[in-house]
N, C-alpha and C. Protein backbone atom coordinates (compact mmCIF):
# COMPACT_ATOMS: atom_id res chain seq x y z
N MET A 1 70.41 113.57 64.78
CA MET A 1 70.51 113.94 65.68
C MET A 1 70.73 113.18 67.13
N GLY A 2 70.74 112.01 66.88
CA GLY A 2 71.80 110.63 67.62
C GLY A 2 73.03 110.68 67.38
N PHE A 3 73.58 111.05 67.10
CA PHE A 3 75.12 111.57 67.09
C PHE A 3 75.32 112.08 68.10
N LEU A 4 74.33 113.71 68.08
CA LEU A 4 74.56 114.28 69.14
C LEU A 4 74.17 114.28 70.30
N GLN A 5 73.61 113.83 70.41
CA GLN A 5 72.64 112.91 72.08
C GLN A 5 73.38 111.73 71.89
N ARG A 6 74.58 111.05 71.54
CA ARG A 6 75.74 109.86 72.40
C ARG A 6 76.89 110.94 72.67
N LEU A 7 76.89 111.98 71.73
CA LEU A 7 77.91 112.60 72.14
C LEU A 7 77.84 113.41 73.32
N LYS A 8 76.60 113.75 73.16
CA LYS A 8 75.89 114.58 75.20
C LYS A 8 76.32 113.62 75.91
N ASP A 9 75.73 112.28 75.80
CA ASP A 9 75.86 111.62 77.02
C ASP A 9 77.29 110.79 77.26
N ASP A 10 78.07 110.70 76.28
CA ASP A 10 79.48 110.49 76.28
C ASP A 10 80.12 111.56 77.07
N LEU A 11 80.10 112.79 76.74
CA LEU A 11 80.94 113.74 77.51
C LEU A 11 79.91 113.39 78.97
N ARG A 12 79.04 113.58 79.63
CA ARG A 12 78.31 113.84 80.68
C ARG A 12 79.21 112.09 81.36
N ALA A 13 79.45 111.37 80.99
CA ALA A 13 79.94 110.38 81.27
C ALA A 13 81.71 110.82 81.88
N GLY A 14 81.79 111.13 80.50
CA GLY A 14 83.18 111.41 81.13
C GLY A 14 83.38 112.54 81.35
N VAL A 15 82.64 113.25 81.91
CA VAL A 15 82.41 113.87 83.49
C VAL A 15 82.35 113.60 84.66
N ALA A 16 81.39 112.51 84.77
CA ALA A 16 81.57 112.35 85.60
C ALA A 16 82.56 110.93 86.20
N THR A 17 83.47 110.69 85.06
CA THR A 17 83.83 109.73 85.47
C THR A 17 85.41 110.70 86.19
N LEU A 18 85.31 112.15 85.68
CA LEU A 18 86.68 112.66 85.94
C LEU A 18 86.34 113.65 87.25
N ARG A 19 84.98 113.35 87.96
CA ARG A 19 84.52 113.96 88.89
C ARG A 19 84.83 112.68 89.91
N LEU A 20 84.61 111.63 89.64
CA LEU A 20 85.08 110.52 90.54
C LEU A 20 86.65 110.47 90.50
N GLY A 21 86.97 110.53 90.01
CA GLY A 21 88.99 109.99 89.97
C GLY A 21 89.23 111.51 90.73
N THR A 22 88.57 112.59 90.48
CA THR A 22 89.15 113.84 91.86
C THR A 22 88.63 113.72 93.01
N VAL A 23 88.31 113.41 92.76
CA VAL A 23 87.82 112.75 94.69
C VAL A 23 88.40 112.00 95.22
N HIS A 24 88.42 110.66 94.17
CA HIS A 24 89.55 109.93 95.03
C HIS A 24 90.44 110.30 95.59
N ALA A 25 91.25 111.25 94.09
CA ALA A 25 92.54 111.40 94.08
C ALA A 25 92.81 112.73 95.27
N ALA A 26 91.78 113.31 95.57
CA ALA A 26 91.99 114.21 96.82
C ALA A 26 91.38 112.99 98.54
N GLY A 27 90.82 112.29 98.04
CA GLY A 27 90.98 111.18 99.73
C GLY A 27 92.16 110.74 99.34
N ARG A 28 93.03 110.57 98.46
CA ARG A 28 94.03 109.68 98.87
C ARG A 28 94.68 110.45 98.97
N ALA A 29 95.04 111.43 98.56
CA ALA A 29 95.97 112.92 98.96
C ALA A 29 95.91 112.87 100.60
N LEU A 30 94.91 113.37 100.59
CA LEU A 30 94.01 113.47 102.03
C LEU A 30 94.93 112.15 102.98
N GLU A 31 94.95 110.86 102.73
CA GLU A 31 95.51 109.70 103.42
C GLU A 31 97.26 109.91 103.98
N GLU A 32 97.69 110.01 102.89
CA GLU A 32 98.69 110.21 102.84
C GLU A 32 99.45 111.39 102.86
N THR A 33 98.68 112.63 102.87
CA THR A 33 99.39 113.66 104.51
C THR A 33 99.06 113.12 105.93
N GLU A 34 98.25 112.47 106.47
CA GLU A 34 97.74 112.17 107.88
C GLU A 34 98.91 110.97 107.99
N LEU A 35 99.30 110.28 106.76
CA LEU A 35 100.61 109.17 107.29
C LEU A 35 101.81 110.24 107.83
N LEU A 36 101.73 111.01 106.76
CA LEU A 36 103.22 111.81 106.78
C LEU A 36 103.54 112.51 108.11
N ARG A 37 102.39 112.88 108.90
CA ARG A 37 102.55 113.82 109.56
C ARG A 37 102.53 112.84 110.99
N MET A 38 101.88 111.44 110.82
CA MET A 38 102.19 110.43 111.63
C MET A 38 103.44 110.01 111.55
N ARG A 39 103.92 109.58 110.39
CA ARG A 39 105.38 109.93 110.50
C ARG A 39 106.63 110.22 110.74
N LEU A 40 106.29 111.29 110.69
CA LEU A 40 107.07 113.00 111.39
C LEU A 40 106.80 112.56 113.59
N GLU A 41 105.49 112.74 113.77
CA GLU A 41 105.17 112.02 114.93
C GLU A 41 105.84 111.10 115.47
N LEU A 42 106.04 109.82 114.62
CA LEU A 42 106.92 108.72 114.97
C LEU A 42 108.12 109.18 115.94
N ARG A 43 108.65 109.73 114.37
CA ARG A 43 110.46 110.06 114.46
C ARG A 43 110.18 110.97 115.98
N LYS A 44 109.39 112.31 116.26
CA LYS A 44 109.71 112.99 117.53
C LYS A 44 109.89 112.13 118.69
N LEU A 45 108.99 111.26 118.30
CA LEU A 45 108.51 110.31 120.27
C LEU A 45 109.73 109.56 119.83
N ASP A 46 110.46 109.09 118.81
CA ASP A 46 111.65 107.76 119.03
C ASP A 46 112.76 108.55 119.55
N ARG A 47 113.06 109.85 119.10
CA ARG A 47 114.41 111.03 119.42
C ARG A 47 113.64 111.33 121.41
N GLN A 48 112.69 111.19 121.89
CA GLN A 48 112.34 111.71 122.89
C GLN A 48 112.60 110.27 123.37
N LEU A 49 112.38 109.61 123.54
CA LEU A 49 112.82 107.66 123.51
C LEU A 49 114.16 107.56 123.67
N SER A 50 114.45 108.30 123.05
CA SER A 50 116.39 108.14 122.45
C SER A 50 116.80 108.94 124.26
N ASP A 51 116.22 110.48 124.09
CA ASP A 51 116.86 111.18 124.97
C ASP A 51 117.00 110.77 126.25
N LEU A 52 115.45 110.65 126.57
CA LEU A 52 115.32 108.97 127.86
C LEU A 52 116.10 108.09 128.26
N TYR A 53 116.37 107.45 126.79
CA TYR A 53 117.22 106.24 127.47
C TYR A 53 118.71 106.76 128.14
N LYS A 54 118.72 107.50 127.19
CA LYS A 54 120.31 108.36 127.57
C LYS A 54 120.61 109.24 128.69
N ASP A 55 119.46 109.48 129.46
CA ASP A 55 119.63 110.27 131.03
C ASP A 55 119.03 109.36 131.68
N ILE A 56 118.28 108.20 131.49
CA ILE A 56 118.84 106.92 132.36
C ILE A 56 119.58 106.43 132.47
N GLY A 57 120.97 105.66 131.43
CA GLY A 57 122.06 105.42 130.94
C GLY A 57 122.33 105.97 132.33
N GLU A 58 123.41 107.42 131.71
CA GLU A 58 123.97 108.58 132.59
C GLU A 58 123.91 108.34 134.09
N ARG A 59 122.22 108.38 134.58
CA ARG A 59 122.70 108.40 136.10
C ARG A 59 122.75 107.24 136.53
N ALA A 60 122.52 106.55 135.68
CA ALA A 60 122.93 104.79 136.51
C ALA A 60 123.98 104.32 136.93
N VAL A 61 125.22 105.19 135.76
CA VAL A 61 126.72 105.13 135.74
C VAL A 61 127.21 106.13 136.31
N ASP A 62 126.88 107.41 136.42
CA ASP A 62 126.90 108.25 137.28
C ASP A 62 126.48 107.83 138.56
N MET A 63 125.26 107.16 139.28
CA MET A 63 125.62 106.34 140.50
C MET A 63 126.19 105.56 140.78
N LYS A 64 126.43 104.46 140.24
CA LYS A 64 127.40 103.60 139.76
C LYS A 64 128.45 103.59 140.40
N GLU A 65 128.96 104.88 139.78
CA GLU A 65 130.73 105.65 139.91
C GLU A 65 130.80 106.29 141.50
N ARG A 66 129.09 106.42 141.63
CA ARG A 66 129.63 107.20 143.15
C ARG A 66 129.31 105.87 144.06
N GLY A 67 129.39 104.89 144.08
CA GLY A 67 129.22 103.35 144.83
C GLY A 67 128.55 103.13 145.34
N GLU A 68 126.86 103.61 144.65
CA GLU A 68 125.18 103.60 145.01
C GLU A 68 125.58 101.60 144.71
N THR A 69 124.58 100.94 145.35
CA THR A 69 124.31 99.83 145.46
C THR A 69 123.26 99.17 143.84
N ALA A 70 123.54 98.30 143.19
CA ALA A 70 122.78 98.07 141.74
C ALA A 70 120.79 98.40 142.19
N GLU A 71 120.62 98.00 143.57
CA GLU A 71 119.20 97.98 144.05
C GLU A 71 119.14 99.65 144.37
N ARG A 72 119.86 100.37 144.88
CA ARG A 72 120.06 101.47 144.83
C ARG A 72 119.79 102.45 143.37
N VAL A 73 120.59 101.88 142.36
CA VAL A 73 120.37 102.54 141.18
C VAL A 73 119.02 101.76 140.64
N VAL A 74 118.50 100.78 141.00
CA VAL A 74 117.38 100.34 140.10
C VAL A 74 116.10 101.12 140.40
N TYR A 75 116.12 101.51 142.32
CA TYR A 75 114.77 102.08 143.07
C TYR A 75 115.10 103.46 142.96
N ASP A 76 115.96 103.91 142.08
CA ASP A 76 116.36 105.57 142.27
C ASP A 76 114.75 106.09 141.97
N ALA A 77 114.28 107.06 142.46
CA ALA A 77 113.23 107.86 142.32
C ALA A 77 113.21 108.85 140.75
N GLY A 78 114.45 109.81 140.58
CA GLY A 78 114.92 109.74 139.45
C GLY A 78 114.78 108.99 138.00
N ILE A 79 115.39 107.79 138.66
CA ILE A 79 115.15 106.93 137.50
C ILE A 79 113.38 106.12 137.13
N VAL A 80 112.98 105.98 138.29
CA VAL A 80 112.07 105.61 137.70
C VAL A 80 110.76 106.38 137.57
N ARG A 81 111.41 107.53 137.90
CA ARG A 81 110.46 108.79 136.84
C ARG A 81 110.94 108.64 135.33
N LEU A 82 112.08 108.69 134.94
CA LEU A 82 112.62 108.80 133.57
C LEU A 82 111.94 107.74 132.82
N VAL A 83 111.68 106.29 133.79
CA VAL A 83 111.42 104.92 133.05
C VAL A 83 109.79 104.75 133.19
N LYS A 84 109.30 105.66 133.22
CA LYS A 84 108.01 106.28 133.81
C LYS A 84 107.80 106.43 132.45
N GLU A 85 107.86 107.59 132.10
CA GLU A 85 108.14 108.44 130.61
C GLU A 85 108.30 107.54 129.72
N VAL A 86 109.48 106.96 130.27
CA VAL A 86 109.22 106.30 128.82
C VAL A 86 108.51 104.84 128.30
N GLU A 87 108.14 104.67 129.68
CA GLU A 87 106.62 103.93 129.36
C GLU A 87 105.26 104.57 128.88
N MET A 88 104.45 105.65 129.13
CA MET A 88 104.29 106.57 128.41
C MET A 88 104.71 106.91 126.81
N LEU A 89 105.77 107.26 126.68
CA LEU A 89 106.09 107.10 125.21
C LEU A 89 105.48 106.55 124.50
N LYS A 90 106.10 105.37 124.55
CA LYS A 90 105.54 103.67 124.23
C LYS A 90 104.58 103.43 123.79
N GLU A 91 104.01 103.76 124.82
CA GLU A 91 102.43 103.78 125.07
C GLU A 91 101.94 104.37 123.73
N SER A 92 101.97 106.00 123.66
CA SER A 92 102.03 106.57 122.72
C SER A 92 102.29 106.14 121.42
N ARG A 93 103.64 105.43 121.13
CA ARG A 93 104.33 105.00 119.56
C ARG A 93 103.09 103.60 119.38
N ARG A 94 103.04 102.97 120.68
CA ARG A 94 102.28 102.00 119.54
C ARG A 94 100.43 102.16 119.31
N LYS A 95 99.96 103.09 119.74
CA LYS A 95 98.93 103.66 119.71
C LYS A 95 99.03 104.49 117.97
N LEU A 96 100.19 105.29 117.78
CA LEU A 96 100.36 105.93 116.58
C LEU A 96 100.42 104.73 115.46
N ASP A 97 101.37 103.82 116.06
CA ASP A 97 100.93 102.61 115.21
C ASP A 97 99.98 102.11 114.33
N VAL A 98 98.95 101.74 115.42
CA VAL A 98 97.51 101.23 115.19
C VAL A 98 97.05 101.95 114.66
N GLU A 99 96.99 103.26 113.91
CA GLU A 99 95.95 104.52 113.53
C GLU A 99 96.78 104.14 112.11
N MET A 100 98.16 104.20 112.43
CA MET A 100 98.79 104.87 110.72
C MET A 100 98.79 102.61 109.73
N GLU A 101 98.52 101.93 110.82
CA GLU A 101 98.20 100.63 110.13
C GLU A 101 96.50 100.38 109.53
N GLU A 102 95.56 101.30 110.56
CA GLU A 102 94.44 101.66 109.94
C GLU A 102 93.85 102.06 108.50
N ILE A 103 94.91 103.40 109.07
CA ILE A 103 94.85 103.74 107.68
C ILE A 103 95.14 103.26 106.54
N ARG A 104 96.53 102.50 106.47
CA ARG A 104 96.83 101.90 105.08
C ARG A 104 95.83 100.92 104.87
N ASN A 105 95.33 100.10 105.88
CA ASN A 105 94.33 98.64 105.86
C ASN A 105 92.87 99.93 105.20
N GLU A 106 92.72 100.83 105.06
CA GLU A 106 91.59 101.23 104.24
C GLU A 106 92.07 101.61 102.72
N GLN A 107 93.26 101.61 102.65
CA GLN A 107 93.33 101.96 101.13
C GLN A 107 92.72 100.87 100.58
């Protein structure tokens, strides 16, 4: 009967180890999925930043070509609004980077 008892105990230990491994794998998959979502969000923010930089540059060049002074270009309401959008997007990107780093450090 000792053999059957050891076999039963070994099976229980094996099942417990399997469950623990499954829980760990599921948790890891969730972390990786969240990191992927965040990377996609970073790409989206980078695209938006690139578009804003392009818009700022085009507006500045158009104004300069029309003979506006550099000071008027810098303080133009449209450019100021776009720069504020850039600052907001950069802050969002920085927060997302911090969140991603926290998730990586948990691993």
